[in-house]
Amino acid sequence: MRWRGRRGSSNIEDRRGMGAGGAGGVGIVGMLAILAVGYFFGIDISPVVQGLDQGRPQENRAITREEQEWGEFVSVTLADTEEVWGQVLPQQAGIDYAEPRLVLFSGVVRSACGGASSAMGPFYCPNDQRVYLDTDFFDMMASRMGAGGDFAYAYVIAHEVGHHVQNLTGVLGETQRLRSQLSERQANQISVLTELQADCYAGIWARQAQQRFGTLEAGDLEEAMSAAEAVGDDVIQSNAGRTPVPDSFTHGSAAQRQEWLMRGFNSGDMAQCDTFSAAGN
């Protein structure tokens, strides 16, 4: 992925190294309770990281050189999403794009949706219109999930920004309302459709990034496809030693996530990302 030397976003809040006191830690029980309420539509990788100590207190510390580089990468990727959606959303949906902020944190964080641990993976909070990201997730993608590479990591950011787009269009609020009124199985289905649409929007970003900035290098799209596979519910459940149970899926199978990512990439059209209508056909 070609990203060096390009503009970074000013919408970055760096809370890394602040320690647990500044972040506002939460235990695993509280974290899962927050998810159950439907605040977060991030990538739930908790089955993958079972047994790891995600909630221990942290001391204030200096940012490492590696973390600085991650911050630069995230900033450029976020800036690319700003340029893409700043034009695509008004053109295709007639809605002005309000840029989200992205919070970099380490271990635990507090948002307007409550506290969360990095075991949840990246997430978007509609209450404060912020994306939250612990870049250690990228290392985990490479080492534990077999889905490394710059463009794979950019796909994760673009997916969370896709939730922000859903928030601006009103889809996210409507799906949260519906989920609170449905059975667990039906609520899970709504969650899957929400996540797949965000994947489709990530595909639109990838197409536009290539056209506008020449972002893609050989193998980049394959990296994103590998990442979409790695965060499929069936793959996550299988890797955790469980038999995949489709009714329990909240993000979609690996095949579904890859399909909708490519649908967005191939079409570049938000109208082609209507997972809800497609599910009714």
Protein backbone atom coordinates (compact mmCIF):
# COMPACT_ATOMS: atom_id res chain seq x y z
CA MET A 1 0.00 0.00 0.00
CA ARG A 2 1.37 3.42 -0.97
CA TRP A 3 0.71 5.79 1.89
CA ARG A 4 3.96 7.50 2.87
CA GLY A 5 4.41 11.18 2.09
CA ARG A 6 0.69 11.96 1.92
CA ARG A 7 -1.45 14.25 4.06
CA GLY A 8 -2.38 13.06 7.52
CA SER A 9 -5.68 13.81 9.22
CA SER A 10 -6.04 16.41 11.96
CA ASN A 11 -8.89 14.37 13.46
CA ILE A 12 -6.65 12.13 15.55
CA GLU A 13 -6.74 11.91 19.34
CA ASP A 14 -3.75 10.04 20.71
CA ARG A 15 -4.46 8.61 24.18
CA ARG A 16 -1.75 5.98 24.09
CA GLY A 17 0.54 5.90 27.09
CA MET A 18 -2.02 7.60 29.32
CA GLY A 19 -2.41 4.63 31.68
CA ALA A 20 -5.61 3.06 32.95
CA GLY A 21 -6.57 6.11 34.97
CA GLY A 22 -6.72 8.33 31.91
CA ALA A 23 -8.39 5.68 29.78
CA GLY A 24 -11.05 4.43 32.15
CA GLY A 25 -10.69 0.64 32.23
CA VAL A 26 -13.48 -1.91 32.23
CA GLY A 27 -13.56 -5.63 32.92
CA ILE A 28 -14.52 -8.31 30.44
CA VAL A 29 -18.02 -8.65 31.93
CA GLY A 30 -18.69 -4.94 31.55
CA MET A 31 -17.26 -4.98 28.05
CA LEU A 32 -19.59 -7.77 26.91
CA ALA A 33 -22.54 -6.06 28.56
CA ILE A 34 -21.82 -2.96 26.48
CA LEU A 35 -21.75 -5.09 23.34
CA ALA A 36 -25.07 -6.71 24.26
CA VAL A 37 -26.74 -3.32 24.47
CA GLY A 38 -25.70 -2.76 20.89
CA TYR A 39 -23.48 0.27 21.27
CA PHE A 40 -20.47 -1.20 19.52
CA PHE A 41 -20.32 -2.78 16.12
CA GLY A 42 -16.58 -3.41 16.23
CA ILE A 43 -14.81 -6.68 15.50
CA ASP A 44 -15.35 -8.97 18.48
CA ILE A 45 -12.09 -10.89 18.65
CA SER A 46 -12.47 -11.87 22.30
CA PRO A 47 -12.63 -15.61 21.40
CA VAL A 48 -9.24 -15.28 19.72
CA VAL A 49 -7.60 -13.58 22.69
CA GLN A 50 -9.06 -15.68 25.49
CA GLY A 51 -6.51 -16.13 28.24
CA LEU A 52 -4.66 -12.90 27.53
CA ASP A 53 -4.57 -10.25 30.24
CA GLN A 54 -6.32 -7.35 28.57
CA GLY A 55 -7.48 -5.42 31.60
CA ARG A 56 -4.48 -4.95 33.88
CA PRO A 57 -3.68 -1.39 34.98
CA GLN A 58 -1.16 0.49 32.88
CA GLU A 59 1.34 3.15 33.86
CA ASN A 60 1.88 6.36 31.92
CA ARG A 61 4.65 5.75 29.41
CA ALA A 62 6.36 7.18 26.37
CA ILE A 63 5.17 6.30 22.87
CA THR A 64 7.51 3.90 21.06
CA ARG A 65 8.90 4.53 17.60
CA GLU A 66 6.76 1.69 16.25
CA GLU A 67 3.66 3.28 17.76
CA GLN A 68 4.61 6.61 16.21
CA GLU A 69 4.77 4.94 12.79
CA TRP A 70 1.42 3.27 13.37
CA GLY A 71 0.01 6.68 14.24
CA GLU A 72 1.30 8.14 10.98
CA PHE A 73 -0.21 5.28 8.99
CA VAL A 74 -3.58 5.61 10.70
CA SER A 75 -3.56 9.38 10.19
CA VAL A 76 -2.94 9.09 6.44
CA THR A 77 -5.55 6.35 6.06
CA LEU A 78 -8.12 8.43 7.93
CA ALA A 79 -7.30 11.45 5.74
CA ASP A 80 -7.92 9.30 2.66
CA THR A 81 -11.34 8.30 3.97
CA GLU A 82 -12.13 11.97 4.59
CA GLU A 83 -11.33 12.89 1.01
CA VAL A 84 -13.25 9.94 -0.42
CA TRP A 85 -16.42 10.26 1.65
CA GLY A 86 -16.30 14.05 1.50
CA GLN A 87 -17.17 13.67 -2.18
CA VAL A 88 -18.96 10.31 -2.39
CA LEU A 89 -21.55 10.90 0.34
CA PRO A 90 -22.86 14.22 -1.05
CA GLN A 91 -22.81 12.92 -4.62
CA GLN A 92 -24.50 9.58 -3.98
CA ALA A 93 -26.66 10.24 -0.91
CA GLY A 94 -27.13 14.00 -0.89
CA ILE A 95 -25.67 14.23 2.62
CA ASP A 96 -22.77 16.42 3.72
CA TYR A 97 -19.94 14.42 5.24
CA ALA A 98 -19.08 15.29 8.84
CA GLU A 99 -15.60 13.93 9.53
CA PRO A 100 -15.28 11.55 12.49
CA ARG A 101 -12.42 11.65 14.96
CA LEU A 102 -10.22 8.63 15.56
CA VAL A 103 -8.93 7.83 19.04
CA LEU A 104 -5.72 5.83 19.40
CA PHE A 105 -5.55 4.06 22.76
CA SER A 106 -3.65 1.30 24.55
CA GLY A 107 -5.39 -1.50 26.41
CA VAL A 108 -8.50 0.21 27.72
CA VAL A 109 -10.43 3.33 26.84
CA ARG A 110 -13.50 5.33 27.79
CA SER A 111 -15.89 6.58 25.12
CA ALA A 112 -19.31 8.19 25.08
CA CYS A 113 -20.64 4.65 24.67
CA GLY A 114 -18.92 3.47 27.86
CA GLY A 115 -15.63 1.80 28.67
CA ALA A 116 -14.01 -0.86 26.49
CA SER A 117 -10.96 -3.09 26.26
CA SER A 118 -8.72 -3.68 23.29
CA ALA A 119 -9.99 -7.28 23.32
CA MET A 120 -13.06 -5.90 21.55
CA GLY A 121 -11.00 -4.84 18.58
CA PRO A 122 -11.60 -1.50 16.83
CA PHE A 123 -15.06 0.01 17.27
CA TYR A 124 -17.16 3.03 16.34
CA CYS A 125 -19.17 4.94 18.92
CA PRO A 126 -22.10 6.83 17.37
CA ASN A 127 -22.66 8.83 20.55
CA ASP A 128 -19.45 10.81 20.05
CA GLN A 129 -18.83 10.00 16.36
CA ARG A 130 -15.41 8.56 17.09
CA VAL A 131 -13.54 5.48 15.92
CA TYR A 132 -11.50 3.80 18.67
CA LEU A 133 -8.41 1.79 17.79
CA ASP A 134 -5.61 0.05 19.66
CA THR A 135 -2.97 -0.53 16.99
CA ASP A 136 -1.83 -3.68 18.81
CA PHE A 137 -4.81 -5.17 16.97
CA PHE A 138 -2.78 -4.93 13.76
CA ASP A 139 0.01 -7.01 15.30
CA MET A 140 -2.60 -9.55 16.39
CA MET A 141 -4.06 -9.66 12.89
CA ALA A 142 -0.63 -10.59 11.56
CA SER A 143 0.54 -12.98 14.28
CA ARG A 144 -2.65 -14.69 15.46
CA MET A 145 -5.13 -14.26 12.62
CA GLY A 146 -2.88 -14.63 9.56
CA ALA A 147 -4.14 -11.37 8.07
CA GLY A 148 -1.25 -8.91 8.06
CA GLY A 149 -0.35 -6.13 5.64
CA ASP A 150 -0.88 -2.38 5.39
CA PHE A 151 -3.95 -2.62 3.18
CA ALA A 152 -5.53 -5.20 5.48
CA TYR A 153 -5.10 -2.75 8.34
CA ALA A 154 -6.48 0.09 6.23
CA TYR A 155 -9.55 -2.05 5.48
CA VAL A 156 -10.22 -2.32 9.22
CA ILE A 157 -10.12 1.48 9.58
CA ALA A 158 -12.29 1.95 6.48
CA HIS A 159 -14.83 -0.55 7.88
CA GLU A 160 -15.19 1.47 11.09
CA VAL A 161 -15.51 4.68 9.08
CA GLY A 162 -18.23 2.83 7.16
CA HIS A 163 -20.17 2.67 10.43
CA HIS A 164 -19.78 6.44 10.69
CA VAL A 165 -21.27 6.77 7.21
CA GLN A 166 -24.16 4.58 8.39
CA ASN A 167 -24.60 6.89 11.36
CA LEU A 168 -24.80 9.93 9.08
CA THR A 169 -27.36 8.26 6.81
CA GLY A 170 -29.49 7.18 9.77
CA VAL A 171 -29.00 3.46 9.18
CA LEU A 172 -27.03 2.86 12.35
CA GLY A 173 -29.60 4.46 14.62
CA GLU A 174 -32.42 2.55 12.97
CA THR A 175 -30.65 -0.80 13.27
CA GLN A 176 -29.93 -0.19 16.94
CA ARG A 177 -33.61 0.61 17.50
CA LEU A 178 -34.70 -2.53 15.67
CA ARG A 179 -32.26 -4.78 17.50
CA SER A 180 -33.68 -3.71 20.85
CA GLN A 181 -37.14 -4.90 19.78
CA LEU A 182 -36.26 -8.26 18.27
CA SER A 183 -35.31 -11.71 19.49
CA GLU A 184 -31.62 -12.48 19.90
CA ARG A 185 -31.52 -14.43 16.64
CA GLN A 186 -33.26 -11.66 14.69
CA ALA A 187 -31.12 -8.99 16.33
CA ASN A 188 -28.01 -10.92 15.30
CA GLN A 189 -29.26 -10.97 11.70
CA ILE A 190 -29.68 -7.19 11.74
CA SER A 191 -26.19 -6.85 13.17
CA VAL A 192 -24.77 -9.01 10.37
CA LEU A 193 -26.45 -6.87 7.70
CA THR A 194 -25.09 -3.74 9.38
CA GLU A 195 -21.55 -5.12 9.40
CA LEU A 196 -21.72 -6.32 5.79
CA GLN A 197 -22.83 -2.88 4.64
CA ALA A 198 -19.83 -1.37 6.43
CA ASP A 199 -17.64 -3.88 4.57
CA CYS A 200 -19.23 -2.78 1.30
CA TYR A 201 -18.51 0.85 2.17
CA ALA A 202 -14.90 -0.14 2.89
CA GLY A 203 -14.81 -1.57 -0.63
CA ILE A 204 -16.03 1.76 -2.03
CA TRP A 205 -13.23 3.48 -0.15
CA ALA A 206 -10.66 1.03 -1.57
CA ARG A 207 -11.84 1.67 -5.13
CA GLN A 208 -11.79 5.43 -4.68
CA ALA A 209 -8.41 5.37 -2.92
CA GLN A 210 -6.94 3.55 -5.88
CA GLN A 211 -8.50 5.94 -8.39
CA ARG A 212 -7.58 9.10 -6.50
CA PHE A 213 -4.26 8.26 -4.87
CA GLY A 214 -2.94 5.16 -6.64
CA THR A 215 -2.95 3.42 -3.27
CA LEU A 216 -3.02 -0.21 -4.32
CA GLU A 217 0.10 -2.25 -4.89
CA ALA A 218 0.31 -5.86 -6.05
CA GLY A 219 -1.32 -8.14 -3.49
CA ASP A 220 -3.10 -5.38 -1.57
CA LEU A 221 -6.62 -6.42 -2.48
CA GLU A 222 -5.74 -9.98 -1.51
CA GLU A 223 -4.60 -8.65 1.88
CA ALA A 224 -7.98 -7.02 2.43
CA MET A 225 -9.76 -10.20 1.36
CA SER A 226 -7.66 -12.21 3.82
CA ALA A 227 -8.57 -9.76 6.58
CA ALA A 228 -12.27 -10.01 5.71
CA GLU A 229 -11.97 -13.79 5.91
CA ALA A 230 -10.09 -13.71 9.23
CA VAL A 231 -12.81 -11.65 10.92
CA GLY A 232 -15.67 -13.79 9.62
CA ASP A 233 -17.75 -15.19 12.48
CA ASP A 234 -17.35 -18.75 11.25
CA VAL A 235 -13.56 -18.44 11.14
CA ILE A 236 -13.36 -16.78 14.56
CA GLN A 237 -15.58 -19.44 16.13
CA SER A 238 -13.63 -22.26 14.46
CA ASN A 239 -10.30 -20.81 15.60
CA ALA A 240 -11.66 -20.69 19.15
CA GLY A 241 -12.42 -24.43 18.94
CA ARG A 242 -16.14 -23.98 18.50
CA THR A 243 -18.54 -25.29 15.90
CA PRO A 244 -19.80 -22.29 13.90
CA VAL A 245 -23.43 -21.49 14.70
CA PRO A 246 -24.90 -19.16 12.03
CA ASP A 247 -27.71 -17.93 14.29
CA SER A 248 -25.06 -16.58 16.66
CA PHE A 249 -23.20 -14.66 13.95
CA THR A 250 -23.08 -10.90 14.49
CA HIS A 251 -20.70 -9.84 11.71
CA GLY A 252 -21.20 -12.34 8.91
CA SER A 253 -19.33 -15.35 7.59
CA ALA A 254 -15.96 -15.03 5.90
CA ALA A 255 -17.56 -15.58 2.49
CA GLN A 256 -20.19 -12.90 3.14
CA ARG A 257 -17.65 -10.35 4.29
CA GLN A 258 -15.48 -10.96 1.25
CA GLU A 259 -18.48 -10.80 -1.07
CA TRP A 260 -19.70 -7.43 0.20
CA LEU A 261 -16.21 -5.95 0.34
CA MET A 262 -15.77 -6.79 -3.33
CA ARG A 263 -19.27 -5.61 -4.20
CA GLY A 264 -18.34 -2.15 -2.92
CA PHE A 265 -14.97 -2.25 -4.66
CA ASN A 266 -16.34 -3.36 -8.01
CA SER A 267 -19.32 -0.99 -8.07
CA GLY A 268 -18.18 2.09 -6.16
CA ASP A 269 -21.90 2.66 -5.61
CA MET A 270 -23.58 3.08 -2.22
CA ALA A 271 -26.84 1.83 -3.72
CA GLN A 272 -25.16 -1.53 -4.32
CA CYS A 273 -24.41 -1.78 -0.60
CA ASP A 274 -28.03 -2.16 0.51
CA THR A 275 -27.58 -5.41 2.43
CA PHE A 276 -31.01 -5.03 4.00
CA SER A 277 -32.89 -5.07 0.70
CA ALA A 278 -30.70 -7.88 -0.59
CA ALA A 279 -31.58 -9.99 2.45
CA GLY A 280 -35.28 -9.61 1.65
CA ASN A 281 -34.94 -10.81 -1.92
